[in-house]
Amino acid sequence: MGKAVGSSQLGKLYSGDKKVFKHREWRGIKDTWYDYTRWLGIMAMLGKFMLHPKNVKGFFRYRWMLNYLAVPMMIDKHSMGLRGPQLRICREEYDLVASDVAKLLTKIFSMDQNLGAKPEKSKHVVLMDENEMTNIMCGFPNLEGLSWETASCYVCVLLQGDAMTHYLDVVQECGMPGDVCPMPASEAGICIDGDMPIFGKCAVQCNTTCDGSLMGNGVISRALERNGIPVHQLATPLRHTEPGVQEYAAQEVRNAIAFIEEQTGEKFDWDYYFECAKRINIGARECSEWLELSKTDYPQVIGNNILLYRETEYMAIAGKVPAFAELDKKITKMATEAYKNKTMLAKEYRHRAVIWGVQSQFYTDFVAWLLNCWGILPLFDMLTMVSLDPISENDREQAYYDMAHQYENMIMRNRTHGGYEVLLDDLWRYCEEFNADMVILWEHIACKALDGMHGMFEQQAREHGIKLVWVNHDLYDPRVIPRKNLRQDVNRYMRSVLREEPLDPTLEDYDDTNLW
C-alpha cells in the first residue's frame, strides 16, 4: 500500500471479522494525514450534533437514527483508492452534505411533536417529498422546505445497507405486495410503525416517479392530515418532453405556490427567488464543466464524486444554500488543475462506462469498486443527468416554466417518464458524446418502468457496439440480492465475455458482511 494511485490492494483491508476494516487505508503521508484530519472533523461534527438535548431524544426515539453512527464509514467507503485532488473533492463534497443533513436533523427534532414540541414551533415549515424538487421554496425566505423522508429513509440506506428492512417487513405485514419499489414502501412502513416525525404547517407532495410512489404518498398524506397538516398535490406532466403540456406544468407550480401562501400567510419573494436562481445556474454551469472534462482522456469529477453530490444539490438544495455554489467553483478549480496535470483515478483505464438505470441505494460505493477492481471508469450515472439548462434570473413569468421544467427533470423521473427516447436514445447519445464503450445497467427488480425495456436495451446495445453489463439489485433491500452478488454480475461478464483479469485481484471476491 502506498502513495501512488492503484498501489494499494484494497481487498486486504476487509477483515471479514467483527471489525469492518483491519486498519485505515495508507495513501502516503500527505494524503493519509489529510484524510485522517477530515475523518476527525466528521467525528467532531457528530459529537457537536449530540450536544443538543432534542437530538439525543430523537436518537433514542427513532429506530432509524441508529444508522447515523455509520456516517464516518459511509464517507470512508466512498473515498477508497482516491488520492490527491480526487480525494479532496470527495471529502469536500461529502463533508458538506453530511453537515447539511446534520442541520436538517437538528431542525426536525427541535420541532417534532413526538419529542414534545408545540405545533406553533414549526409553523414556518413546508414539508416536501423525498424525491421532489424544492425550488418553489426559493421564493419564501421566511419559510423552510424540509423532508422527513430524506432524514429517516433515503440517507439511512446510504449509511447502512439494511436500514429499511424492518420497515419493509412492517408494510408487507399490512398487506402491501413484496414487489412494490422498496423506497415508497419503506416510507409507508415508517408511517405505519409510528416512526414518522410530526411537524410542519403544510405539505406539498409530487407525483414523483411511479405508482409505488403515489401509493406511499397516499399513506403519508393520511398520516399528515390526521395530525392537522394539510397536503397539496403537485401533479407534474408525465409526457414532460412535449411542448403542449408546459402551460399545464407551469400552472401546477402556480397552484402549489398559492397553496403555500394561503396556508402560511407568506408571499412569494421574487428578489429572493432570483438570488437562488443565480446559484442554481452556478451549479449547473460548474457541473457542465465537470462533464466536459469527462469527455476527455482525463476525467476528474466522476463516479461517487459527482453521483450523490449533484443529486443533493439539484433536488434538496436548489440554490438555497450559498456554500454549495462556492464549493462548485472550488471543485472546478481543483479538477481543472488536475486535468492539466493529467491526473488519473486508477493506474489503468480499460473501459469508459456510463452508469444507467436506478442505482442500488444500499451499495452506492459500487461504482468505486468498478474503478478499483476492473479499471472501469464510471463517467456519470443516470441520476446525475438532470437539467443543466440555465434558468431566468429576472423574468417572473418565465420563472414558472423554469420551475416546472426542473420538476419535470427530477432524478429518476426525467428518465422513467417522457417516452423511451429519454431512457434509450439519450443513453446511446451520451455513449457517443463521452466516448464510452460500456454501459453498466442497473436492473432494479421492483422497477417496472425499466424492467419492461430489457430486450430493447439488449438489442440497441448490440446495434451500437456497446458492451452491456446488467447488475441486479432491489434498491433498499440487500436481503434479496446482497452486495456480493452485484459484484459477481460484473466479475462473470469481465471474465467470461471479455476474458480480462482484475486490476486488483483482492477486490474480486472478499467478505464485506460486516460493512455498514
Protein backbone atom coordinates (compact mmCIF):
# COMPACT_ATOMS: atom_id res chain seq x y z
CA MET A 1 0.00 0.00 0.00
CA GLY A 2 1.41 3.37 -0.91
CA LYS A 3 1.20 6.89 -2.17
CA ALA A 4 0.61 6.17 -5.87
CA VAL A 5 -2.84 5.63 -7.31
CA GLY A 6 -3.55 1.91 -7.70
CA SER A 7 -0.67 0.85 -5.44
CA SER A 8 -2.98 -0.50 -2.72
CA GLN A 9 -4.56 -3.94 -2.60
CA LEU A 10 -7.83 -2.68 -1.18
CA GLY A 11 -9.44 -6.07 -0.67
CA LYS A 12 -6.91 -6.83 2.07
CA LEU A 13 -8.37 -4.01 4.16
CA TYR A 14 -11.55 -6.00 4.84
CA SER A 15 -11.20 -8.07 7.98
CA GLY A 16 -14.15 -10.43 7.45
CA ASP A 17 -14.36 -10.50 11.24
CA LYS A 18 -16.14 -8.29 13.78
CA LYS A 19 -14.33 -5.21 12.50
CA VAL A 20 -15.10 -3.77 9.07
CA PHE A 21 -11.50 -2.85 8.20
CA LYS A 22 -8.23 -4.11 9.63
CA HIS A 23 -6.88 -0.55 9.50
CA ARG A 24 -7.33 2.70 7.59
CA GLU A 25 -6.04 2.90 4.03
CA TRP A 26 -2.46 4.12 3.69
CA ARG A 27 -2.21 6.76 0.98
CA GLY A 28 1.24 8.18 1.65
CA ILE A 29 1.95 10.67 4.43
CA LYS A 30 0.29 13.74 2.91
CA ASP A 31 -2.95 12.14 1.74
CA THR A 32 -3.28 9.85 4.77
CA TRP A 33 -2.90 12.81 7.13
CA TYR A 34 -5.39 14.88 5.14
CA ASP A 35 -7.91 12.03 5.10
CA TYR A 36 -7.47 11.41 8.83
CA THR A 37 -8.00 15.07 9.76
CA ARG A 38 -11.19 15.17 7.69
CA TRP A 39 -12.32 11.98 9.46
CA LEU A 40 -11.69 13.70 12.79
CA GLY A 41 -13.75 16.64 11.54
CA ILE A 42 -16.71 14.35 10.86
CA MET A 43 -16.38 12.82 14.33
CA ALA A 44 -16.34 16.32 15.84
CA MET A 45 -19.46 17.25 13.87
CA LEU A 46 -21.27 14.14 15.17
CA GLY A 47 -20.18 14.97 18.73
CA LYS A 48 -21.47 18.52 18.36
CA PHE A 49 -24.74 17.15 16.97
CA MET A 50 -25.28 15.04 20.10
CA LEU A 51 -24.82 18.05 22.38
CA HIS A 52 -28.37 19.13 21.52
CA PRO A 53 -30.77 17.56 24.06
CA LYS A 54 -33.52 17.19 21.44
CA ASN A 55 -31.11 15.34 19.17
CA VAL A 56 -30.34 12.90 21.98
CA LYS A 57 -34.08 12.37 22.50
CA GLY A 58 -34.52 11.82 18.76
CA PHE A 59 -31.65 9.33 18.72
CA PHE A 60 -33.39 7.15 21.31
CA ARG A 61 -36.92 7.78 20.00
CA TYR A 62 -36.46 6.65 16.39
CA ARG A 63 -35.16 3.27 15.27
CA TRP A 64 -33.73 4.73 12.05
CA MET A 65 -31.42 7.12 13.92
CA LEU A 66 -29.09 4.25 14.83
CA ASN A 67 -27.88 4.23 11.23
CA TYR A 68 -26.25 7.64 11.66
CA LEU A 69 -23.46 6.03 13.65
CA ALA A 70 -22.13 4.93 10.25
CA VAL A 71 -21.56 8.44 8.83
CA PRO A 72 -17.72 8.23 9.04
CA MET A 73 -17.75 4.75 7.46
CA MET A 74 -20.05 5.90 4.67
CA ILE A 75 -17.62 8.63 3.63
CA ASP A 76 -14.61 6.33 4.02
CA LYS A 77 -16.01 3.66 1.71
CA HIS A 78 -16.84 6.24 -0.98
CA SER A 79 -13.27 7.57 -0.95
CA MET A 80 -11.45 4.21 -1.18
CA GLY A 81 -8.50 4.27 -3.56
CA LEU A 82 -8.62 8.03 -4.11
CA ARG A 83 -5.53 10.21 -3.92
CA GLY A 84 -4.68 13.87 -4.43
CA PRO A 85 -7.34 16.16 -5.91
CA GLN A 86 -9.99 13.44 -6.22
CA LEU A 87 -9.67 12.62 -2.52
CA ARG A 88 -10.07 16.30 -1.66
CA ILE A 89 -13.04 16.75 -3.96
CA CYS A 90 -14.70 13.71 -2.40
CA ARG A 91 -14.08 14.85 1.17
CA GLU A 92 -15.22 18.42 0.48
CA GLU A 93 -18.45 17.21 -1.11
CA TYR A 94 -19.43 14.54 1.38
CA ASP A 95 -18.47 16.63 4.40
CA LEU A 96 -20.72 19.44 3.18
CA VAL A 97 -23.59 17.03 2.51
CA ALA A 98 -23.12 15.42 5.95
CA SER A 99 -23.14 18.84 7.59
CA ASP A 100 -26.32 19.79 5.74
CA VAL A 101 -28.06 16.56 6.83
CA ALA A 102 -26.99 17.17 10.45
CA LYS A 103 -28.63 20.59 10.29
CA LEU A 104 -31.76 19.00 8.80
CA LEU A 105 -31.99 16.50 11.67
CA THR A 106 -31.43 19.22 14.27
CA LYS A 107 -34.26 21.28 12.78
CA ILE A 108 -36.61 18.28 12.63
CA PHE A 109 -36.04 17.23 16.23
CA SER A 110 -36.39 20.80 17.52
CA MET A 111 -39.91 20.94 16.00
CA ASP A 112 -41.03 17.32 16.33
CA GLN A 113 -44.31 16.96 18.22
CA ASN A 114 -43.33 13.37 19.09
CA LEU A 115 -40.48 14.89 21.14
CA GLY A 116 -42.72 17.38 22.93
CA ALA A 117 -42.61 20.40 20.60
CA LYS A 118 -45.74 22.50 20.10
CA PRO A 119 -47.29 22.78 16.59
CA GLU A 120 -46.52 26.52 16.58
CA LYS A 121 -42.81 25.67 16.64
CA SER A 122 -42.94 24.51 13.01
CA LYS A 123 -45.43 26.99 11.55
CA HIS A 124 -42.71 28.20 9.17
CA VAL A 125 -42.06 24.73 7.69
CA VAL A 126 -43.44 23.28 4.44
CA LEU A 127 -42.94 19.53 4.11
CA MET A 128 -41.61 18.27 0.79
CA ASP A 129 -41.32 14.77 -0.71
CA GLU A 130 -38.03 12.90 -0.60
CA ASN A 131 -37.84 12.78 -4.41
CA GLU A 132 -39.28 16.23 -5.01
CA MET A 133 -37.67 19.42 -6.24
CA THR A 134 -37.62 22.12 -3.55
CA ASN A 135 -37.20 25.07 -5.91
CA ILE A 136 -40.64 26.55 -5.14
CA MET A 137 -39.28 27.30 -1.66
CA CYS A 138 -36.72 29.64 -3.26
CA GLY A 139 -39.41 32.33 -3.14
CA PHE A 140 -40.08 32.05 0.59
CA PRO A 141 -37.10 33.34 2.61
CA ASN A 142 -39.06 33.16 5.86
CA LEU A 143 -40.09 29.54 5.32
CA GLU A 144 -38.20 26.25 5.13
CA GLY A 145 -38.92 23.31 2.86
CA LEU A 146 -37.90 20.17 4.76
CA SER A 147 -38.23 16.45 4.07
CA TRP A 148 -38.57 13.99 6.94
CA GLU A 149 -38.27 11.12 4.43
CA THR A 150 -34.77 12.26 3.45
CA ALA A 151 -33.62 12.06 7.06
CA SER A 152 -35.42 8.87 8.07
CA CYS A 153 -35.24 6.83 4.87
CA TYR A 154 -33.05 7.98 1.97
CA VAL A 155 -29.89 8.90 3.91
CA CYS A 156 -30.21 5.92 6.27
CA VAL A 157 -29.88 3.40 3.43
CA LEU A 158 -26.77 5.15 2.15
CA LEU A 159 -25.28 4.76 5.62
CA GLN A 160 -26.33 1.20 6.39
CA GLY A 161 -27.49 -1.22 3.71
CA ASP A 162 -30.17 -2.96 5.76
CA ALA A 163 -31.51 0.23 7.38
CA MET A 164 -35.04 -0.18 5.97
CA THR A 165 -35.57 -3.94 6.20
CA HIS A 166 -37.62 -3.62 9.41
CA TYR A 167 -39.99 -1.10 7.82
CA LEU A 168 -40.31 -3.21 4.67
CA ASP A 169 -41.41 -6.12 6.84
CA VAL A 170 -43.89 -3.87 8.65
CA VAL A 171 -45.56 -2.63 5.47
CA GLN A 172 -45.76 -6.13 3.98
CA GLU A 173 -47.38 -7.41 7.17
CA CYS A 174 -50.10 -4.84 6.49
CA GLY A 175 -50.80 -6.39 3.09
CA MET A 176 -48.62 -4.47 0.65
CA PRO A 177 -47.16 -6.75 -2.06
CA GLY A 178 -43.47 -7.50 -1.80
CA ASP A 179 -42.75 -6.45 -5.39
CA VAL A 180 -43.53 -2.76 -4.79
CA CYS A 181 -40.48 -0.47 -5.01
CA PRO A 182 -38.81 -0.53 -1.57
CA MET A 183 -38.35 3.25 -1.46
CA PRO A 184 -42.03 4.27 -1.12
CA ALA A 185 -42.74 1.03 0.73
CA SER A 186 -40.12 1.96 3.36
CA GLU A 187 -41.61 5.44 3.75
CA ALA A 188 -45.06 3.93 4.23
CA GLY A 189 -43.64 1.43 6.73
CA ILE A 190 -42.10 4.24 8.78
CA CYS A 191 -45.52 5.92 8.98
CA ILE A 192 -47.29 2.70 9.94
CA ASP A 193 -44.66 1.89 12.57
CA GLY A 194 -45.04 5.29 14.24
CA ASP A 195 -41.51 6.43 13.41
CA MET A 196 -42.57 9.46 11.37
CA PRO A 197 -41.62 12.84 12.91
CA ILE A 198 -44.65 15.14 13.20
CA PHE A 199 -44.02 18.79 12.33
CA GLY A 200 -44.80 21.38 9.68
CA LYS A 201 -47.52 23.88 8.77
CA CYS A 202 -48.45 22.21 5.48
CA ALA A 203 -47.07 19.79 2.89
CA VAL A 204 -46.61 19.70 -0.88
CA GLN A 205 -46.40 16.25 -2.46
CA CYS A 206 -45.49 15.47 -6.06
CA ASN A 207 -46.24 12.59 -8.44
CA THR A 208 -42.56 11.78 -8.44
CA THR A 209 -41.64 8.58 -10.25
CA CYS A 210 -44.09 5.67 -10.26
CA ASP A 211 -47.34 4.16 -8.99
CA GLY A 212 -45.47 2.91 -5.92
CA SER A 213 -44.54 6.50 -5.03
CA LEU A 214 -48.15 7.58 -5.40
CA MET A 215 -49.18 4.75 -3.09
CA GLY A 216 -46.61 5.83 -0.49
CA ASN A 217 -47.74 9.46 -0.77
CA GLY A 218 -51.28 8.33 -0.03
CA VAL A 219 -50.24 6.68 3.23
CA ILE A 220 -48.12 9.68 4.23
CA SER A 221 -50.76 12.30 3.38
CA ARG A 222 -53.35 10.48 5.51
CA ALA A 223 -50.92 10.47 8.44
CA LEU A 224 -50.17 14.18 7.99
CA GLU A 225 -53.80 15.20 7.69
CA ARG A 226 -54.69 13.21 10.82
CA ASN A 227 -52.22 15.47 12.61
CA GLY A 228 -53.73 18.66 11.21
CA ILE A 229 -51.20 19.21 8.40
CA PRO A 230 -52.96 19.92 5.06
CA VAL A 231 -51.43 18.41 1.92
CA HIS A 232 -51.33 19.75 -1.66
CA GLN A 233 -50.68 17.51 -4.66
CA LEU A 234 -48.44 18.98 -7.36
CA ALA A 235 -49.14 16.91 -10.48
CA THR A 236 -46.25 17.30 -12.92
CA PRO A 237 -46.98 16.09 -16.50
CA LEU A 238 -45.70 12.63 -17.35
CA ARG A 239 -45.04 13.39 -21.03
CA HIS A 240 -42.72 16.17 -19.99
CA THR A 241 -40.87 16.41 -23.31
CA GLU A 242 -43.98 17.58 -25.18
CA PRO A 243 -44.43 21.36 -25.64
CA GLY A 244 -48.19 21.07 -25.26
CA VAL A 245 -48.03 20.20 -21.56
CA GLN A 246 -45.79 23.05 -20.44
CA GLU A 247 -48.58 25.53 -19.72
CA TYR A 248 -50.27 22.95 -17.53
CA ALA A 249 -46.94 22.24 -15.79
CA ALA A 250 -46.41 25.94 -15.05
CA GLN A 251 -49.96 26.25 -13.71
CA GLU A 252 -49.31 23.38 -11.30
CA VAL A 253 -46.37 25.35 -9.92
CA ARG A 254 -48.56 28.46 -9.55
CA ASN A 255 -51.15 26.38 -7.70
CA ALA A 256 -48.55 24.99 -5.29
CA ILE A 257 -47.19 28.47 -4.57
CA ALA A 258 -50.73 29.77 -3.96
CA PHE A 259 -51.35 26.89 -1.54
CA ILE A 260 -48.22 27.72 0.47
CA GLU A 261 -49.15 31.40 0.56
CA GLU A 262 -52.66 30.58 1.78
CA GLN A 263 -51.52 28.17 4.49
CA THR A 264 -48.60 30.20 5.85
CA GLY A 265 -49.59 33.80 5.17
CA GLU A 266 -46.26 34.41 3.42
CA LYS A 267 -45.98 35.93 -0.05
CA PHE A 268 -43.65 34.76 -2.80
CA ASP A 269 -40.49 36.92 -2.72
CA TRP A 270 -39.21 37.33 -6.25
CA ASP A 271 -35.96 39.01 -5.19
CA TYR A 272 -35.03 36.03 -3.04
CA TYR A 273 -36.09 33.59 -5.76
CA PHE A 274 -33.84 35.21 -8.35
CA GLU A 275 -30.97 35.27 -5.85
CA CYS A 276 -31.37 31.48 -5.52
CA ALA A 277 -31.78 31.15 -9.31
CA LYS A 278 -28.31 32.63 -9.77
CA ARG A 279 -26.85 29.93 -7.51
CA ILE A 280 -28.83 27.24 -9.35
CA ASN A 281 -27.24 28.45 -12.58
CA ILE A 282 -23.79 28.39 -10.98
CA GLY A 283 -24.29 24.75 -10.00
CA ALA A 284 -25.47 23.81 -13.49
CA ARG A 285 -22.63 25.70 -15.16
CA GLU A 286 -19.93 24.16 -12.97
CA CYS A 287 -21.38 20.66 -13.39
CA SER A 288 -21.29 21.20 -17.16
CA GLU A 289 -17.57 21.96 -16.83
CA TRP A 290 -17.02 18.69 -14.95
CA LEU A 291 -18.85 16.77 -17.65
CA GLU A 292 -16.80 18.46 -20.36
CA LEU A 293 -13.67 17.16 -18.63
CA SER A 294 -15.26 13.70 -18.60
CA LYS A 295 -15.33 13.73 -22.40
CA THR A 296 -11.53 13.86 -22.45
CA ASP A 297 -8.92 11.18 -21.72
CA TYR A 298 -8.51 12.56 -18.19
CA PRO A 299 -11.89 12.84 -16.45
CA GLN A 300 -11.72 14.26 -12.94
CA VAL A 301 -15.16 14.60 -11.30
CA ILE A 302 -16.69 11.19 -11.88
CA GLY A 303 -18.35 8.26 -10.11
CA ASN A 304 -19.03 8.94 -6.44
CA ASN A 305 -17.58 12.44 -6.70
CA ILE A 306 -20.49 13.52 -8.89
CA LEU A 307 -23.10 10.90 -8.02
CA LEU A 308 -24.70 11.83 -4.68
CA TYR A 309 -23.43 15.39 -4.54
CA ARG A 310 -25.15 16.56 -7.72
CA GLU A 311 -28.40 14.85 -6.78
CA THR A 312 -28.37 16.60 -3.39
CA GLU A 313 -27.58 19.98 -4.87
CA TYR A 314 -30.22 19.78 -7.61
CA MET A 315 -33.09 18.40 -5.54
CA ALA A 316 -32.71 19.38 -1.89
CA ILE A 317 -30.54 22.49 -2.07
CA ALA A 318 -31.84 24.16 -5.27
CA GLY A 319 -29.78 27.31 -4.76
CA LYS A 320 -30.90 27.98 -1.18
CA VAL A 321 -27.51 27.24 0.47
CA PRO A 322 -24.66 29.51 -0.75
CA ALA A 323 -21.98 27.07 0.45
CA PHE A 324 -22.81 24.64 -2.36
CA ALA A 325 -22.30 27.23 -5.11
CA GLU A 326 -18.99 28.23 -3.51
CA LEU A 327 -17.85 24.61 -3.37
CA ASP A 328 -18.86 24.07 -7.01
CA LYS A 329 -16.39 26.73 -8.11
CA LYS A 330 -13.70 25.28 -5.87
CA ILE A 331 -14.24 21.81 -7.34
CA THR A 332 -13.93 23.16 -10.88
CA LYS A 333 -10.65 24.83 -9.97
CA MET A 334 -9.24 21.63 -8.44
CA ALA A 335 -10.50 19.49 -11.33
CA THR A 336 -9.07 21.82 -13.99
CA GLU A 337 -5.66 21.80 -12.34
CA ALA A 338 -5.75 18.00 -12.06
CA TYR A 339 -6.70 17.75 -15.75
CA LYS A 340 -3.71 19.90 -16.74
CA ASN A 341 -1.50 17.51 -14.77
CA LYS A 342 -3.15 14.51 -16.47
CA THR A 343 -4.08 13.07 -13.07
CA MET A 344 -5.69 9.62 -13.18
CA LEU A 345 -8.00 7.96 -10.66
CA ALA A 346 -6.63 4.46 -11.31
CA LYS A 347 -3.37 3.11 -12.67
CA GLU A 348 -5.17 1.98 -15.82
CA TYR A 349 -8.44 2.80 -17.60
CA ARG A 350 -9.69 -0.23 -19.51
CA HIS A 351 -13.25 0.86 -20.20
CA ARG A 352 -15.21 4.11 -20.15
CA ALA A 353 -18.65 3.39 -18.72
CA VAL A 354 -21.97 5.18 -18.42
CA ILE A 355 -23.90 4.00 -15.33
CA TRP A 356 -27.58 3.82 -16.28
CA GLY A 357 -30.82 2.84 -14.59
CA VAL A 358 -32.00 3.14 -10.98
CA GLN A 359 -28.96 2.70 -8.75
CA SER A 360 -28.74 0.46 -5.72
CA GLN A 361 -29.17 2.77 -2.73
CA PHE A 362 -27.69 0.22 -0.32
CA TYR A 363 -24.47 -0.02 -2.37
CA THR A 364 -23.69 3.35 -3.93
CA ASP A 365 -19.94 2.80 -3.48
CA PHE A 366 -20.22 0.01 -6.05
CA VAL A 367 -19.01 2.47 -8.72
CA ALA A 368 -15.79 2.97 -6.76
CA TRP A 369 -15.33 -0.80 -6.79
CA LEU A 370 -15.74 -0.84 -10.60
CA LEU A 371 -12.81 1.54 -10.94
CA ASN A 372 -10.54 -0.02 -8.34
CA CYS A 373 -11.15 -3.67 -9.24
CA TRP A 374 -11.58 -3.71 -13.03
CA GLY A 375 -10.38 -0.33 -14.27
CA ILE A 376 -13.91 0.57 -15.43
CA LEU A 377 -14.11 4.38 -15.43
CA PRO A 378 -17.60 5.37 -14.15
CA LEU A 379 -18.08 8.64 -16.02
CA PHE A 380 -21.51 9.52 -14.62
CA ASP A 381 -24.79 7.87 -13.72
CA MET A 382 -28.34 8.36 -14.97
CA LEU A 383 -29.47 10.25 -11.88
CA THR A 384 -26.70 12.81 -12.36
CA MET A 385 -28.11 13.84 -15.74
CA VAL A 386 -30.86 16.13 -14.52
CA SER A 387 -31.48 19.51 -16.12
CA LEU A 388 -28.41 21.67 -16.74
CA ASP A 389 -30.39 24.30 -18.64
CA PRO A 390 -29.91 27.88 -17.40
CA ILE A 391 -32.98 29.45 -15.82
CA SER A 392 -34.14 33.07 -15.88
CA GLU A 393 -32.67 35.39 -13.28
CA ASN A 394 -35.12 38.26 -13.80
CA ASP A 395 -38.27 37.20 -15.72
CA ARG A 396 -41.15 36.33 -13.37
CA GLU A 397 -43.38 34.71 -15.94
CA GLN A 398 -40.56 32.58 -17.34
CA ALA A 399 -39.68 31.53 -13.80
CA TYR A 400 -42.88 29.47 -13.50
CA TYR A 401 -41.89 27.50 -16.60
CA ASP A 402 -38.32 27.13 -15.31
CA MET A 403 -39.55 25.70 -12.01
CA ALA A 404 -41.89 23.36 -13.87
CA HIS A 405 -39.01 22.23 -16.11
CA GLN A 406 -36.93 21.38 -13.07
CA TYR A 407 -39.82 19.42 -11.56
CA GLU A 408 -40.19 17.51 -14.81
CA ASN A 409 -36.48 16.68 -14.74
CA MET A 410 -36.20 15.43 -11.17
CA ILE A 411 -33.91 12.46 -10.58
CA MET A 412 -35.30 9.18 -11.99
CA ARG A 413 -38.47 10.93 -13.12
CA ASN A 414 -36.87 12.56 -16.16
CA ARG A 415 -35.84 9.10 -17.46
CA THR A 416 -38.72 6.91 -16.33
CA HIS A 417 -41.30 9.29 -17.89
CA GLY A 418 -41.34 11.18 -21.16
CA GLY A 419 -41.16 8.30 -23.63
CA TYR A 420 -38.46 5.77 -24.47
CA GLU A 421 -36.33 8.49 -26.09
CA VAL A 422 -35.21 9.89 -22.73
CA LEU A 423 -34.29 6.43 -21.47
CA LEU A 424 -32.92 4.72 -24.58
CA ASP A 425 -31.97 7.29 -27.22
CA ASP A 426 -30.28 9.60 -24.73
CA LEU A 427 -28.18 6.72 -23.41
CA TRP A 428 -26.60 5.98 -26.78
CA ARG A 429 -26.16 9.69 -27.46
CA TYR A 430 -24.26 10.03 -24.19
CA CYS A 431 -22.12 7.00 -25.02
CA GLU A 432 -21.05 8.62 -28.27
CA GLU A 433 -20.60 12.06 -26.71
CA PHE A 434 -18.44 10.76 -23.84
CA ASN A 435 -16.64 8.10 -25.91
CA ALA A 436 -17.99 5.32 -23.66
CA ASP A 437 -17.59 1.72 -24.78
CA MET A 438 -19.53 0.18 -21.88
CA VAL A 439 -22.84 0.62 -20.05
CA ILE A 440 -23.30 -0.68 -16.52
CA LEU A 441 -27.08 -1.03 -16.44
CA TRP A 442 -28.73 -1.29 -13.04
CA GLU A 443 -31.70 -3.65 -13.11
CA HIS A 444 -33.85 -2.76 -10.12
CA ILE A 445 -36.14 -5.79 -9.96
CA ALA A 446 -39.07 -3.82 -8.49
CA CYS A 447 -38.89 -1.01 -11.07
CA LYS A 448 -41.47 -1.90 -13.70
CA ALA A 449 -40.64 1.07 -15.96
CA LEU A 450 -37.09 -0.09 -16.72
CA ASP A 451 -37.57 -3.85 -16.47
CA GLY A 452 -40.13 -3.75 -19.27
CA MET A 453 -37.47 -2.42 -21.67
CA HIS A 454 -34.83 -5.09 -21.01
CA GLY A 455 -34.99 -6.51 -24.54
CA MET A 456 -34.76 -3.08 -26.19
CA PHE A 457 -31.62 -2.28 -24.23
CA GLU A 458 -30.05 -5.57 -25.32
CA GLN A 459 -30.93 -5.09 -28.97
CA GLN A 460 -29.83 -1.49 -29.24
CA ALA A 461 -26.59 -2.11 -27.34
CA ARG A 462 -25.65 -4.68 -30.00
CA GLU A 463 -26.58 -2.24 -32.77
CA HIS A 464 -24.38 0.48 -31.25
CA GLY A 465 -21.49 -1.85 -30.43
CA ILE A 466 -21.70 -1.13 -26.70
CA LYS A 467 -20.72 -3.65 -24.01
CA LEU A 468 -23.77 -4.00 -21.76
CA VAL A 469 -23.40 -5.33 -18.21
CA TRP A 470 -26.58 -5.98 -16.20
CA VAL A 471 -26.34 -5.56 -12.42
CA ASN A 472 -29.36 -6.78 -10.47
CA HIS A 473 -30.49 -5.31 -7.13
CA ASP A 474 -33.58 -4.42 -5.09
CA LEU A 475 -32.78 -0.78 -4.25
CA TYR A 476 -33.33 -0.73 -0.45
CA ASP A 477 -33.33 -4.44 0.40
CA PRO A 478 -29.93 -6.23 0.41
CA ARG A 479 -31.59 -9.44 1.62
CA VAL A 480 -32.96 -10.07 -1.89
CA ILE A 481 -29.67 -9.51 -3.71
CA PRO A 482 -26.59 -8.93 -1.45
CA ARG A 483 -23.68 -6.65 -2.31
CA LYS A 484 -21.51 -9.63 -3.20
CA ASN A 485 -23.97 -10.68 -5.90
CA LEU A 486 -23.77 -7.24 -7.52
CA ARG A 487 -20.03 -7.64 -7.84
CA GLN A 488 -20.41 -11.17 -9.19
CA ASP A 489 -22.59 -9.87 -12.04
CA VAL A 490 -19.64 -7.80 -13.23
CA ASN A 491 -17.00 -10.42 -12.43
CA ARG A 492 -18.74 -13.01 -14.58
CA TYR A 493 -19.03 -10.64 -17.52
CA MET A 494 -15.44 -9.42 -17.32
CA ARG A 495 -14.00 -12.93 -17.09
CA SER A 496 -16.39 -14.93 -19.27
CA VAL A 497 -17.16 -12.42 -22.02
CA LEU A 498 -14.15 -10.09 -22.12
CA ARG A 499 -11.57 -12.57 -20.78
CA GLU A 500 -9.97 -9.89 -18.61
CA GLU A 501 -8.12 -10.08 -15.30
CA PRO A 502 -8.85 -7.58 -12.47
CA LEU A 503 -6.55 -4.65 -11.74
CA ASP A 504 -6.77 -5.52 -8.04
CA PRO A 505 -7.41 -9.28 -7.60
CA THR A 506 -8.07 -8.82 -3.87
CA LEU A 507 -11.28 -6.94 -4.72
CA GLU A 508 -12.76 -9.61 -6.95
CA ASP A 509 -14.10 -11.67 -4.05
CA TYR A 510 -13.93 -10.53 -0.44
CA ASP A 511 -16.05 -10.61 2.70
CA ASP A 512 -17.85 -7.32 3.39
CA THR A 513 -20.60 -8.87 5.52
CA ASN A 514 -19.78 -6.54 8.42
CA LEU A 515 -19.66 -3.43 6.29
CA TRP A 516 -22.23 -0.85 7.32
